[in-house]
């Protein structure tokens, strides 16, 4: 499955689950799908649709069930998983991509030594 097919599946899933799509959210989703490899900021997206960052977050969550960063992170993780399954790319290279995704979203992976502390 090509990246195009993954992106199309994300687009269809979003559109299918929302009968009353707000054009501003559709514009942001399309922007994310077209530019997921770049550093996309909430500030840039807010300017695109002439909303404050808090208004954009609220509207996006209402329309998609996810925050903009959750949506983008999920998209990037699906792309990474596809790369693991379908390419000869080294896992370490894909891991670097995943680390970059996590750092951009403020998320950090749980290391095995931290996983079940206190259990």
PDB file of N, CA and C in Angstrom:
ATOM      1  N   UNK A   1       0.847  -1.168   0.000  1.00  0.00           N
ATOM      2  CA  UNK A   1       0.000   0.000   0.000  1.00  0.00           C
ATOM      3  C   UNK A   1       0.898   1.238   0.000  1.00  0.00           C
ATOM      4  N   UNK A   2       0.678   2.130  -0.922  1.00  0.00           N
ATOM      5  CA  UNK A   2       1.498   3.333  -1.017  1.00  0.00           C
ATOM      6  C   UNK A   2       1.070   4.363   0.029  1.00  0.00           C
ATOM      7  N   UNK A   3       1.942   5.356   0.252  1.00  0.00           N
ATOM      8  CA  UNK A   3       1.579   6.439   1.169  1.00  0.00           C
ATOM      9  C   UNK A   3       0.286   7.092   0.720  1.00  0.00           C
ATOM     10  N   UNK A   4       0.114   7.210  -0.588  1.00  0.00           N
ATOM     11  CA  UNK A   4      -1.107   7.811  -1.126  1.00  0.00           C
ATOM     12  C   UNK A   4      -2.336   7.053  -0.635  1.00  0.00           C
ATOM     13  N   UNK A   5      -2.272   5.723  -0.628  1.00  0.00           N
ATOM     14  CA  UNK A   5      -3.413   4.929  -0.175  1.00  0.00           C
ATOM     15  C   UNK A   5      -3.666   5.098   1.316  1.00  0.00           C
ATOM     16  N   UNK A   6      -2.597   5.185   2.100  1.00  0.00           N
ATOM     17  CA  UNK A   6      -2.747   5.424   3.537  1.00  0.00           C
ATOM     18  C   UNK A   6      -3.396   6.779   3.776  1.00  0.00           C
ATOM     19  N   UNK A   7      -2.931   7.785   3.059  1.00  0.00           N
ATOM     20  CA  UNK A   7      -3.490   9.128   3.206  1.00  0.00           C
ATOM     21  C   UNK A   7      -4.949   9.155   2.774  1.00  0.00           C
ATOM     22  N   UNK A   8      -5.259   8.456   1.705  1.00  0.00           N
ATOM     23  CA  UNK A   8      -6.642   8.392   1.231  1.00  0.00           C
ATOM     24  C   UNK A   8      -7.535   7.696   2.257  1.00  0.00           C
ATOM     25  N   UNK A   9      -7.032   6.644   2.897  1.00  0.00           N
ATOM     26  CA  UNK A   9      -7.798   5.948   3.934  1.00  0.00           C
ATOM     27  C   UNK A   9      -8.065   6.881   5.117  1.00  0.00           C
ATOM     28  N   UNK A  10      -7.071   7.661   5.521  1.00  0.00           N
ATOM     29  CA  UNK A  10      -7.269   8.636   6.591  1.00  0.00           C
ATOM     30  C   UNK A  10      -8.331   9.646   6.192  1.00  0.00           C
ATOM     31  N   UNK A  11      -8.248  10.148   4.981  1.00  0.00           N
ATOM     32  CA  UNK A  11      -9.206  11.133   4.482  1.00  0.00           C
ATOM     33  C   UNK A  11     -10.616  10.554   4.496  1.00  0.00           C
ATOM     34  N   UNK A  12     -10.772   9.353   3.957  1.00  0.00           N
ATOM     35  CA  UNK A  12     -12.097   8.726   3.896  1.00  0.00           C
ATOM     36  C   UNK A  12     -12.639   8.425   5.282  1.00  0.00           C
ATOM     37  N   UNK A  13     -11.785   7.963   6.179  1.00  0.00           N
ATOM     38  CA  UNK A  13     -12.218   7.676   7.543  1.00  0.00           C
ATOM     39  C   UNK A  13     -12.722   8.939   8.222  1.00  0.00           C
ATOM     40  N   UNK A  14     -12.011  10.022   8.034  1.00  0.00           N
ATOM     41  CA  UNK A  14     -12.436  11.294   8.612  1.00  0.00           C
ATOM     42  C   UNK A  14     -13.752  11.741   8.002  1.00  0.00           C
ATOM     43  N   UNK A  15     -13.845  11.722   6.690  1.00  0.00           N
ATOM     44  CA  UNK A  15     -15.052  12.203   6.020  1.00  0.00           C
ATOM     45  C   UNK A  15     -16.257  11.316   6.297  1.00  0.00           C
ATOM     46  N   UNK A  16     -16.043  10.009   6.377  1.00  0.00           N
ATOM     47  CA  UNK A  16     -17.131   9.077   6.619  1.00  0.00           C
ATOM     48  C   UNK A  16     -17.727   9.277   8.006  1.00  0.00           C
ATOM     49  N   UNK A  17     -16.876   9.559   8.982  1.00  0.00           N
ATOM     50  CA  UNK A  17     -17.339   9.652  10.362  1.00  0.00           C
ATOM     51  C   UNK A  17     -17.965  11.011  10.685  1.00  0.00           C
ATOM     52  N   UNK A  18     -17.901  11.941   9.768  1.00  0.00           N
ATOM     53  CA  UNK A  18     -18.427  13.287  10.018  1.00  0.00           C
ATOM     54  C   UNK A  18     -19.329  13.723   8.877  1.00  0.00           C
ATOM     55  N   UNK A  19     -20.639  13.702   9.137  1.00  0.00           N
ATOM     56  CA  UNK A  19     -21.577  14.130   8.095  1.00  0.00           C
ATOM     57  C   UNK A  19     -21.592  15.642   7.934  1.00  0.00           C
ATOM     58  N   UNK A  20     -21.348  16.359   9.026  1.00  0.00           N
ATOM     59  CA  UNK A  20     -21.379  17.815   8.993  1.00  0.00           C
ATOM     60  C   UNK A  20     -19.966  18.342   9.160  1.00  0.00           C
ATOM     61  N   UNK A  21     -19.189  18.246   8.125  1.00  0.00           N
ATOM     62  CA  UNK A  21     -17.796  18.676   8.179  1.00  0.00           C
ATOM     63  C   UNK A  21     -17.696  20.186   8.088  1.00  0.00           C
ATOM     64  N   UNK A  22     -16.884  20.751   8.940  1.00  0.00           N
ATOM     65  CA  UNK A  22     -16.586  22.170   8.879  1.00  0.00           C
ATOM     66  C   UNK A  22     -15.470  22.353   7.856  1.00  0.00           C
ATOM     67  N   UNK A  23     -15.651  23.270   6.936  1.00  0.00           N
ATOM     68  CA  UNK A  23     -14.653  23.481   5.882  1.00  0.00           C
ATOM     69  C   UNK A  23     -13.273  23.808   6.436  1.00  0.00           C
ATOM     70  N   UNK A  24     -13.233  24.495   7.564  1.00  0.00           N
ATOM     71  CA  UNK A  24     -11.939  24.846   8.157  1.00  0.00           C
ATOM     72  C   UNK A  24     -11.207  23.596   8.631  1.00  0.00           C
ATOM     73  N   UNK A  25     -11.937  22.662   9.217  1.00  0.00           N
ATOM     74  CA  UNK A  25     -11.318  21.420   9.678  1.00  0.00           C
ATOM     75  C   UNK A  25     -10.892  20.586   8.475  1.00  0.00           C
ATOM     76  N   UNK A  26     -11.707  20.548   7.440  1.00  0.00           N
ATOM     77  CA  UNK A  26     -11.328  19.832   6.217  1.00  0.00           C
ATOM     78  C   UNK A  26     -10.045  20.410   5.634  1.00  0.00           C
ATOM     79  N   UNK A  27      -9.918  21.717   5.649  1.00  0.00           N
ATOM     80  CA  UNK A  27      -8.710  22.372   5.141  1.00  0.00           C
ATOM     81  C   UNK A  27      -7.492  21.961   5.973  1.00  0.00           C
ATOM     82  N   UNK A  28      -7.640  21.928   7.290  1.00  0.00           N
ATOM     83  CA  UNK A  28      -6.542  21.531   8.168  1.00  0.00           C
ATOM     84  C   UNK A  28      -6.177  20.074   7.951  1.00  0.00           C
ATOM     85  N   UNK A  29      -7.179  19.210   7.830  1.00  0.00           N
ATOM     86  CA  UNK A  29      -6.907  17.785   7.583  1.00  0.00           C
ATOM     87  C   UNK A  29      -6.158  17.625   6.273  1.00  0.00           C
ATOM     88  N   UNK A  30      -6.584  18.288   5.230  1.00  0.00           N
ATOM     89  CA  UNK A  30      -5.900  18.211   3.940  1.00  0.00           C
ATOM     90  C   UNK A  30      -4.469  18.728   4.050  1.00  0.00           C
ATOM     91  N   UNK A  31      -4.290  19.815   4.802  1.00  0.00           N
ATOM     92  CA  UNK A  31      -2.947  20.357   5.011  1.00  0.00           C
ATOM     93  C   UNK A  31      -2.054  19.328   5.712  1.00  0.00           C
ATOM     94  N   UNK A  32      -2.585  18.674   6.743  1.00  0.00           N
ATOM     95  CA  UNK A  32      -1.807  17.664   7.462  1.00  0.00           C
ATOM     96  C   UNK A  32      -1.465  16.486   6.545  1.00  0.00           C
ATOM     97  N   UNK A  33      -2.424  16.043   5.768  1.00  0.00           N
ATOM     98  CA  UNK A  33      -2.197  14.913   4.870  1.00  0.00           C
ATOM     99  C   UNK A  33      -1.159  15.246   3.804  1.00  0.00           C
ATOM    100  N   UNK A  34      -1.144  16.480   3.356  1.00  0.00           N
ATOM    101  CA  UNK A  34      -0.197  16.886   2.313  1.00  0.00           C
ATOM    102  C   UNK A  34       1.188  17.223   2.850  1.00  0.00           C
ATOM    103  N   UNK A  35       1.269  17.565   4.126  1.00  0.00           N
ATOM    104  CA  UNK A  35       2.520  18.070   4.681  1.00  0.00           C
ATOM    105  C   UNK A  35       2.974  17.332   5.934  1.00  0.00           C
ATOM    106  N   UNK A  36       2.552  16.095   6.110  1.00  0.00           N
ATOM    107  CA  UNK A  36       2.852  15.373   7.353  1.00  0.00           C
ATOM    108  C   UNK A  36       4.352  15.211   7.594  1.00  0.00           C
ATOM    109  N   UNK A  37       5.175  15.294   6.539  1.00  0.00           N
ATOM    110  CA  UNK A  37       6.628  15.149   6.708  1.00  0.00           C
ATOM    111  C   UNK A  37       7.266  16.415   7.274  1.00  0.00           C
ATOM    112  N   UNK A  38       6.551  17.506   7.267  1.00  0.00           N
ATOM    113  CA  UNK A  38       7.084  18.790   7.717  1.00  0.00           C
ATOM    114  C   UNK A  38       6.677  19.053   9.158  1.00  0.00           C
ATOM    115  N   UNK A  39       7.284  20.073   9.743  1.00  0.00           N
ATOM    116  CA  UNK A  39       6.907  20.489  11.087  1.00  0.00           C
ATOM    117  C   UNK A  39       5.664  21.364  10.978  1.00  0.00           C
ATOM    118  N   UNK A  40       4.530  20.840  11.358  1.00  0.00           N
ATOM    119  CA  UNK A  40       3.260  21.553  11.284  1.00  0.00           C
ATOM    120  C   UNK A  40       2.931  22.055  12.689  1.00  0.00           C
ATOM    121  N   UNK A  41       2.696  23.355  12.812  1.00  0.00           N
ATOM    122  CA  UNK A  41       2.389  23.901  14.136  1.00  0.00           C
ATOM    123  C   UNK A  41       0.925  24.312  14.225  1.00  0.00           C
ATOM    124  N   UNK A  42       0.415  24.292  15.449  1.00  0.00           N
ATOM    125  CA  UNK A  42      -0.965  24.716  15.678  1.00  0.00           C
ATOM    126  C   UNK A  42      -1.122  26.197  15.334  1.00  0.00           C
ATOM    127  N   UNK A  43      -0.072  26.966  15.551  1.00  0.00           N
ATOM    128  CA  UNK A  43      -0.125  28.395  15.225  1.00  0.00           C
ATOM    129  C   UNK A  43      -0.291  28.612  13.720  1.00  0.00           C
ATOM    130  N   UNK A  44       0.468  27.872  12.930  1.00  0.00           N
ATOM    131  CA  UNK A  44       0.349  27.988  11.469  1.00  0.00           C
ATOM    132  C   UNK A  44      -1.036  27.563  10.995  1.00  0.00           C
ATOM    133  N   UNK A  45      -1.530  26.469  11.557  1.00  0.00           N
ATOM    134  CA  UNK A  45      -2.862  25.997  11.153  1.00  0.00           C
ATOM    135  C   UNK A  45      -3.938  26.994  11.562  1.00  0.00           C
ATOM    136  N   UNK A  46      -3.781  27.597  12.739  1.00  0.00           N
ATOM    137  CA  UNK A  46      -4.749  28.596  13.208  1.00  0.00           C
ATOM    138  C   UNK A  46      -4.810  29.791  12.268  1.00  0.00           C
ATOM    139  N   UNK A  47      -3.634  30.241  11.831  1.00  0.00           N
ATOM    140  CA  UNK A  47      -3.578  31.365  10.883  1.00  0.00           C
ATOM    141  C   UNK A  47      -4.240  31.001   9.561  1.00  0.00           C
ATOM    142  N   UNK A  48      -4.069  29.739   9.149  1.00  0.00           N
ATOM    143  CA  UNK A  48      -4.657  29.297   7.885  1.00  0.00           C
ATOM    144  C   UNK A  48      -6.166  29.450   7.867  1.00  0.00           C
ATOM    145  N   UNK A  49      -6.802  29.175   9.005  1.00  0.00           N
ATOM    146  CA  UNK A  49      -8.264  29.183   9.054  1.00  0.00           C
ATOM    147  C   UNK A  49      -8.830  30.345   9.876  1.00  0.00           C
ATOM    148  N   UNK A  50      -7.946  31.286  10.227  1.00  0.00           N
ATOM    149  CA  UNK A  50      -8.352  32.505  10.925  1.00  0.00           C
ATOM    150  C   UNK A  50      -9.094  32.225  12.237  1.00  0.00           C
ATOM    151  N   UNK A  51      -8.526  31.317  13.031  1.00  0.00           N
ATOM    152  CA  UNK A  51      -9.056  31.003  14.355  1.00  0.00           C
ATOM    153  C   UNK A  51      -7.932  31.115  15.371  1.00  0.00           C
ATOM    154  N   UNK A  52      -8.292  31.341  16.624  1.00  0.00           N
ATOM    155  CA  UNK A  52      -7.283  31.277  17.680  1.00  0.00           C
ATOM    156  C   UNK A  52      -6.869  29.812  17.841  1.00  0.00           C
ATOM    157  N   UNK A  53      -5.733  29.582  18.460  1.00  0.00           N
ATOM    158  CA  UNK A  53      -5.275  28.200  18.638  1.00  0.00           C
ATOM    159  C   UNK A  53      -6.258  27.406  19.499  1.00  0.00           C
ATOM    160  N   UNK A  54      -6.796  28.026  20.536  1.00  0.00           N
ATOM    161  CA  UNK A  54      -7.749  27.294  21.391  1.00  0.00           C
ATOM    162  C   UNK A  54      -9.050  26.991  20.643  1.00  0.00           C
ATOM    163  N   UNK A  55      -9.506  27.927  19.826  1.00  0.00           N
ATOM    164  CA  UNK A  55     -10.724  27.677  19.038  1.00  0.00           C
ATOM    165  C   UNK A  55     -10.504  26.575  18.014  1.00  0.00           C
ATOM    166  N   UNK A  56      -9.333  26.574  17.396  1.00  0.00           N
ATOM    167  CA  UNK A  56      -9.028  25.520  16.424  1.00  0.00           C
ATOM    168  C   UNK A  56      -8.979  24.155  17.112  1.00  0.00           C
ATOM    169  N   UNK A  57      -8.300  24.085  18.247  1.00  0.00           N
ATOM    170  CA  UNK A  57      -8.231  22.805  18.971  1.00  0.00           C
ATOM    171  C   UNK A  57      -9.627  22.286  19.316  1.00  0.00           C
ATOM    172  N   UNK A  58     -10.468  23.184  19.830  1.00  0.00           N
ATOM    173  CA  UNK A  58     -11.830  22.807  20.223  1.00  0.00           C
ATOM    174  C   UNK A  58     -12.641  22.339  19.006  1.00  0.00           C
ATOM    175  N   UNK A  59     -12.620  23.110  17.930  1.00  0.00           N
ATOM    176  CA  UNK A  59     -13.372  22.763  16.728  1.00  0.00           C
ATOM    177  C   UNK A  59     -12.868  21.451  16.129  1.00  0.00           C
ATOM    178  N   UNK A  60     -11.557  21.297  16.049  1.00  0.00           N
ATOM    179  CA  UNK A  60     -10.970  20.096  15.465  1.00  0.00           C
ATOM    180  C   UNK A  60     -11.380  18.864  16.267  1.00  0.00           C
ATOM    181  N   UNK A  61     -11.330  18.972  17.591  1.00  0.00           N
ATOM    182  CA  UNK A  61     -11.693  17.843  18.462  1.00  0.00           C
ATOM    183  C   UNK A  61     -13.181  17.512  18.302  1.00  0.00           C
ATOM    184  N   UNK A  62     -14.026  18.532  18.199  1.00  0.00           N
ATOM    185  CA  UNK A  62     -15.463  18.304  17.994  1.00  0.00           C
ATOM    186  C   UNK A  62     -15.719  17.559  16.684  1.00  0.00           C
ATOM    187  N   UNK A  63     -14.994  17.930  15.645  1.00  0.00           N
ATOM    188  CA  UNK A  63     -15.221  17.371  14.316  1.00  0.00           C
ATOM    189  C   UNK A  63     -14.585  15.998  14.118  1.00  0.00           C
ATOM    190  N   UNK A  64     -13.423  15.774  14.728  1.00  0.00           N
ATOM    191  CA  UNK A  64     -12.684  14.529  14.443  1.00  0.00           C
ATOM    192  C   UNK A  64     -12.612  13.570  15.619  1.00  0.00           C
ATOM    193  N   UNK A  65     -12.885  14.066  16.818  1.00  0.00           N
ATOM    194  CA  UNK A  65     -12.746  13.235  18.006  1.00  0.00           C
ATOM    195  C   UNK A  65     -11.310  13.175  18.502  1.00  0.00           C
ATOM    196  N   UNK A  66     -10.424  13.906  17.860  1.00  0.00           N
ATOM    197  CA  UNK A  66      -9.004  13.933  18.221  1.00  0.00           C
ATOM    198  C   UNK A  66      -8.523  15.376  18.210  1.00  0.00           C
ATOM    199  N   UNK A  67      -7.485  15.630  19.002  1.00  0.00           N
ATOM    200  CA  UNK A  67      -6.852  16.945  18.911  1.00  0.00           C
ATOM    201  C   UNK A  67      -6.030  16.970  17.628  1.00  0.00           C
ATOM    202  N   UNK A  68      -5.648  18.157  17.154  1.00  0.00           N
ATOM    203  CA  UNK A  68      -4.804  18.197  15.958  1.00  0.00           C
ATOM    204  C   UNK A  68      -3.512  17.396  16.124  1.00  0.00           C
ATOM    205  N   UNK A  69      -2.879  17.484  17.290  1.00  0.00           N
ATOM    206  CA  UNK A  69      -1.621  16.747  17.478  1.00  0.00           C
ATOM    207  C   UNK A  69      -1.867  15.243  17.541  1.00  0.00           C
ATOM    208  N   UNK A  70      -2.977  14.800  18.146  1.00  0.00           N
ATOM    209  CA  UNK A  70      -3.300  13.366  18.163  1.00  0.00           C
ATOM    210  C   UNK A  70      -3.534  12.846  16.745  1.00  0.00           C
ATOM    211  N   UNK A  71      -4.254  13.625  15.951  1.00  0.00           N
ATOM    212  CA  UNK A  71      -4.545  13.240  14.571  1.00  0.00           C
ATOM    213  C   UNK A  71      -3.255  13.100  13.771  1.00  0.00           C
ATOM    214  N   UNK A  72      -2.379  14.105  13.888  1.00  0.00           N
ATOM    215  CA  UNK A  72      -1.127  14.103  13.141  1.00  0.00           C
ATOM    216  C   UNK A  72      -0.201  12.984  13.624  1.00  0.00           C
ATOM    217  N   UNK A  73      -0.147  12.767  14.921  1.00  0.00           N
ATOM    218  CA  UNK A  73       0.687  11.693  15.468  1.00  0.00           C
ATOM    219  C   UNK A  73       0.200  10.334  14.970  1.00  0.00           C
ATOM    220  N   UNK A  74      -1.104  10.119  15.009  1.00  0.00           N
ATOM    221  CA  UNK A  74      -1.656   8.853  14.514  1.00  0.00           C
ATOM    222  C   UNK A  74      -1.317   8.650  13.046  1.00  0.00           C
ATOM    223  N   UNK A  75      -1.463   9.687  12.260  1.00  0.00           N
ATOM    224  CA  UNK A  75      -1.119   9.613  10.839  1.00  0.00           C
ATOM    225  C   UNK A  75       0.340   9.218  10.662  1.00  0.00           C
ATOM    226  N   UNK A  76       1.243   9.900  11.370  1.00  0.00           N
ATOM    227  CA  UNK A  76       2.671   9.616  11.226  1.00  0.00           C
ATOM    228  C   UNK A  76       3.031   8.219  11.719  1.00  0.00           C
ATOM    229  N   UNK A  77       2.374   7.742  12.751  1.00  0.00           N
ATOM    230  CA  UNK A  77       2.662   6.399  13.263  1.00  0.00           C
ATOM    231  C   UNK A  77       2.183   5.333  12.271  1.00  0.00           C
ATOM    232  N   UNK A  78       1.067   5.570  11.625  1.00  0.00           N
ATOM    233  CA  UNK A  78       0.590   4.631  10.607  1.00  0.00           C
ATOM    234  C   UNK A  78       1.571   4.600   9.439  1.00  0.00           C
ATOM    235  N   UNK A  79       2.056   5.758   9.038  1.00  0.00           N
ATOM    236  CA  UNK A  79       3.052   5.816   7.957  1.00  0.00           C
ATOM    237  C   UNK A  79       4.309   5.052   8.381  1.00  0.00           C
ATOM    238  N   UNK A  80       4.761   5.240   9.623  1.00  0.00           N
ATOM    239  CA  UNK A  80       5.954   4.537  10.112  1.00  0.00           C
ATOM    240  C   UNK A  80       5.726   3.028  10.116  1.00  0.00           C
ATOM    241  N   UNK A  81       4.574   2.589  10.585  1.00  0.00           N
ATOM    242  CA  UNK A  81       4.270   1.153  10.608  1.00  0.00           C
ATOM    243  C   UNK A  81       4.267   0.581   9.191  1.00  0.00           C
ATOM    244  N   UNK A  82       3.716   1.335   8.259  1.00  0.00           N
ATOM    245  CA  UNK A  82       3.705   0.898   6.860  1.00  0.00           C
ATOM    246  C   UNK A  82       5.126   0.767   6.332  1.00  0.00           C
ATOM    247  N   UNK A  83       5.977   1.713   6.696  1.00  0.00           N
ATOM    248  CA  UNK A  83       7.376   1.660   6.253  1.00  0.00           C
ATOM    249  C   UNK A  83       8.086   0.430   6.821  1.00  0.00           C
ATOM    250  N   UNK A  84       7.798   0.085   8.065  1.00  0.00           N
ATOM    251  CA  UNK A  84       8.400  -1.109   8.672  1.00  0.00           C
ATOM    252  C   UNK A  84       7.980  -2.359   7.911  1.00  0.00           C
ATOM    253  N   UNK A  85       6.709  -2.436   7.580  1.00  0.00           N
ATOM    254  CA  UNK A  85       6.173  -3.631   6.937  1.00  0.00           C
ATOM    255  C   UNK A  85       6.523  -3.747   5.460  1.00  0.00           C
ATOM    256  N   UNK A  86       6.658  -2.618   4.782  1.00  0.00           N
ATOM    257  CA  UNK A  86       6.712  -2.670   3.327  1.00  0.00           C
ATOM    258  C   UNK A  86       8.014  -2.198   2.691  1.00  0.00           C
ATOM    259  N   UNK A  87       8.984  -1.790   3.489  1.00  0.00           N
ATOM    260  CA  UNK A  87      10.228  -1.318   2.880  1.00  0.00           C
ATOM    261  C   UNK A  87      11.416  -2.074   3.468  1.00  0.00           C
ATOM    262  N   UNK A  88      12.542  -1.903   2.830  1.00  0.00           N
ATOM    263  CA  UNK A  88      13.790  -2.465   3.338  1.00  0.00           C
ATOM    264  C   UNK A  88      14.539  -1.449   4.188  1.00  0.00           C
ATOM    265  N   UNK A  89      13.866  -0.377   4.515  1.00  0.00           N
ATOM    266  CA  UNK A  89      14.474   0.673   5.316  1.00  0.00           C
ATOM    267  C   UNK A  89      14.854   0.104   6.686  1.00  0.00           C
ATOM    268  N   UNK A  90      15.965   0.547   7.194  1.00  0.00           N
ATOM    269  CA  UNK A  90      16.440   0.053   8.495  1.00  0.00           C
ATOM    270  C   UNK A  90      15.489   0.515   9.599  1.00  0.00           C
ATOM    271  N   UNK A  91      15.258  -0.373  10.547  1.00  0.00           N
ATOM    272  CA  UNK A  91      14.393  -0.052  11.673  1.00  0.00           C
ATOM    273  C   UNK A  91      14.916   1.178  12.418  1.00  0.00           C
ATOM    274  N   UNK A  92      16.250   1.294  12.520  1.00  0.00           N
ATOM    275  CA  UNK A  92      16.826   2.443  13.231  1.00  0.00           C
ATOM    276  C   UNK A  92      16.460   3.753  12.535  1.00  0.00           C
ATOM    277  N   UNK A  93      16.391   3.748  11.205  1.00  0.00           N
ATOM    278  CA  UNK A  93      16.001   4.955  10.472  1.00  0.00           C
ATOM    279  C   UNK A  93      14.543   5.295  10.743  1.00  0.00           C
ATOM    280  N   UNK A  94      13.711   4.272  10.727  1.00  0.00           N
ATOM    281  CA  UNK A  94      12.284   4.486  11.013  1.00  0.00           C
ATOM    282  C   UNK A  94      12.128   4.905  12.471  1.00  0.00           C
ATOM    283  N   UNK A  95      12.934   4.324  13.352  1.00  0.00           N
ATOM    284  CA  UNK A  95      12.907   4.697  14.762  1.00  0.00           C
ATOM    285  C   UNK A  95      13.254   6.157  14.962  1.00  0.00           C
ATOM    286  N   UNK A  96      14.208   6.651  14.196  1.00  0.00           N
ATOM    287  CA  UNK A  96      14.554   8.078  14.265  1.00  0.00           C
ATOM    288  C   UNK A  96      13.363   8.935  13.858  1.00  0.00           C
ATOM    289  N   UNK A  97      12.645   8.491  12.829  1.00  0.00           N
ATOM    290  CA  UNK A  97      11.438   9.189  12.380  1.00  0.00           C
ATOM    291  C   UNK A  97      10.403   9.203  13.504  1.00  0.00           C
ATOM    292  N   UNK A  98      10.195   8.056  14.149  1.00  0.00           N
ATOM    293  CA  UNK A  98       9.224   7.960  15.238  1.00  0.00           C
ATOM    294  C   UNK A  98       9.645   8.843  16.407  1.00  0.00           C
ATOM    295  N   UNK A  99      10.924   8.837  16.758  1.00  0.00           N
ATOM    296  CA  UNK A  99      11.419   9.708  17.829  1.00  0.00           C
ATOM    297  C   UNK A  99      11.139  11.168  17.516  1.00  0.00           C
ATOM    298  N   UNK A 100      11.347  11.538  16.255  1.00  0.00           N
ATOM    299  CA  UNK A 100      11.087  12.916  15.841  1.00  0.00           C
ATOM    300  C   UNK A 100       9.605  13.235  15.997  1.00  0.00           C
ATOM    301  N   UNK A 101       8.733  12.301  15.590  1.00  0.00           N
ATOM    302  CA  UNK A 101       7.286  12.495  15.732  1.00  0.00           C
ATOM    303  C   UNK A 101       6.936  12.691  17.201  1.00  0.00           C
ATOM    304  N   UNK A 102       7.467  11.836  18.044  1.00  0.00           N
ATOM    305  CA  UNK A 102       7.145  11.917  19.469  1.00  0.00           C
ATOM    306  C   UNK A 102       7.665  13.203  20.089  1.00  0.00           C
ATOM    307  N   UNK A 103       8.840  13.633  19.690  1.00  0.00           N
ATOM    308  CA  UNK A 103       9.384  14.862  20.270  1.00  0.00           C
ATOM    309  C   UNK A 103       8.597  16.081  19.814  1.00  0.00           C
ATOM    310  N   UNK A 104       8.105  16.072  18.587  1.00  0.00           N
ATOM    311  CA  UNK A 104       7.314  17.196  18.093  1.00  0.00           C
ATOM    312  C   UNK A 104       5.981  17.308  18.803  1.00  0.00           C
ATOM    313  N   UNK A 105       5.453  16.172  19.268  1.00  0.00           N
ATOM    314  CA  UNK A 105       4.155  16.189  19.941  1.00  0.00           C
ATOM    315  C   UNK A 105       4.287  16.283  21.449  1.00  0.00           C
ATOM    316  N   UNK A 106       5.535  16.297  21.943  1.00  0.00           N
ATOM    317  CA  UNK A 106       5.733  16.384  23.377  1.00  0.00           C
ATOM    318  C   UNK A 106       5.538  15.062  24.092  1.00  0.00           C
ATOM    319  N   UNK A 107       5.467  13.996  23.349  1.00  0.00           N
ATOM    320  CA  UNK A 107       5.290  12.664  23.917  1.00  0.00           C
ATOM    321  C   UNK A 107       6.648  12.006  23.985  1.00  0.00           C
ATOM    322  N   UNK A 108       6.847  11.159  24.962  1.00  0.00           N
ATOM    323  CA  UNK A 108       8.100  10.425  24.997  1.00  0.00           C
ATOM    324  C   UNK A 108       7.782   8.955  25.196  1.00  0.00           C
ATOM    325  N   UNK A 109       8.568   8.092  24.595  1.00  0.00           N
ATOM    326  CA  UNK A 109       8.304   6.670  24.725  1.00  0.00           C
ATOM    327  C   UNK A 109       8.567   6.193  26.149  1.00  0.00           C
ATOM    328  N   UNK A 110       7.839   5.158  26.541  1.00  0.00           N
ATOM    329  CA  UNK A 110       8.053   4.544  27.842  1.00  0.00           C
ATOM    330  C   UNK A 110       9.115   3.482  27.673  1.00  0.00           C
ATOM    331  N   UNK A 111      10.186   3.582  28.457  1.00  0.00           N
ATOM    332  CA  UNK A 111      11.242   2.583  28.395  1.00  0.00           C
ATOM    333  C   UNK A 111      10.843   1.398  29.260  1.00  0.00           C
ATOM    334  N   UNK A 112      11.335   0.231  28.924  1.00  0.00           N
ATOM    335  CA  UNK A 112      10.939  -0.973  29.622  1.00  0.00           C
ATOM    336  C   UNK A 112      11.211  -0.881  31.122  1.00  0.00           C
ATOM    337  N   UNK A 113      12.253  -0.171  31.536  1.00  0.00           N
ATOM    338  CA  UNK A 113      12.550  -0.051  32.966  1.00  0.00           C
ATOM    339  C   UNK A 113      11.526   0.820  33.693  1.00  0.00           C
ATOM    340  N   UNK A 114      10.799   1.672  32.932  1.00  0.00           N
ATOM    341  CA  UNK A 114       9.799   2.544  33.527  1.00  0.00           C
ATOM    342  C   UNK A 114       8.398   1.952  33.445  1.00  0.00           C
ATOM    343  N   UNK A 115       8.238   0.950  32.614  1.00  0.00           N
ATOM    344  CA  UNK A 115       6.921   0.444  32.251  1.00  0.00           C
ATOM    345  C   UNK A 115       6.050   0.104  33.444  1.00  0.00           C
ATOM    346  N   UNK A 116       6.492  -0.744  34.246  1.00  0.00           N
ATOM    347  CA  UNK A 116       5.633  -1.273  35.293  1.00  0.00           C
ATOM    348  C   UNK A 116       6.181  -0.965  36.670  1.00  0.00           C
ATOM    349  N   UNK A 117       6.798   0.179  36.827  1.00  0.00           N
ATOM    350  CA  UNK A 117       7.394   0.553  38.107  1.00  0.00           C
ATOM    351  C   UNK A 117       6.333   0.572  39.192  1.00  0.00           C
ATOM    352  N   UNK A 118       6.653  -0.032  40.311  1.00  0.00           N
ATOM    353  CA  UNK A 118       5.733  -0.045  41.434  1.00  0.00           C
ATOM    354  C   UNK A 118       4.760  -1.193  41.418  1.00  0.00           C
ATOM    355  N   UNK A 119       4.793  -2.037  40.405  1.00  0.00           N
ATOM    356  CA  UNK A 119       3.878  -3.176  40.353  1.00  0.00           C
ATOM    357  C   UNK A 119       4.464  -4.345  41.048  1.00  0.00           C
TER     358      UNK A 119
END
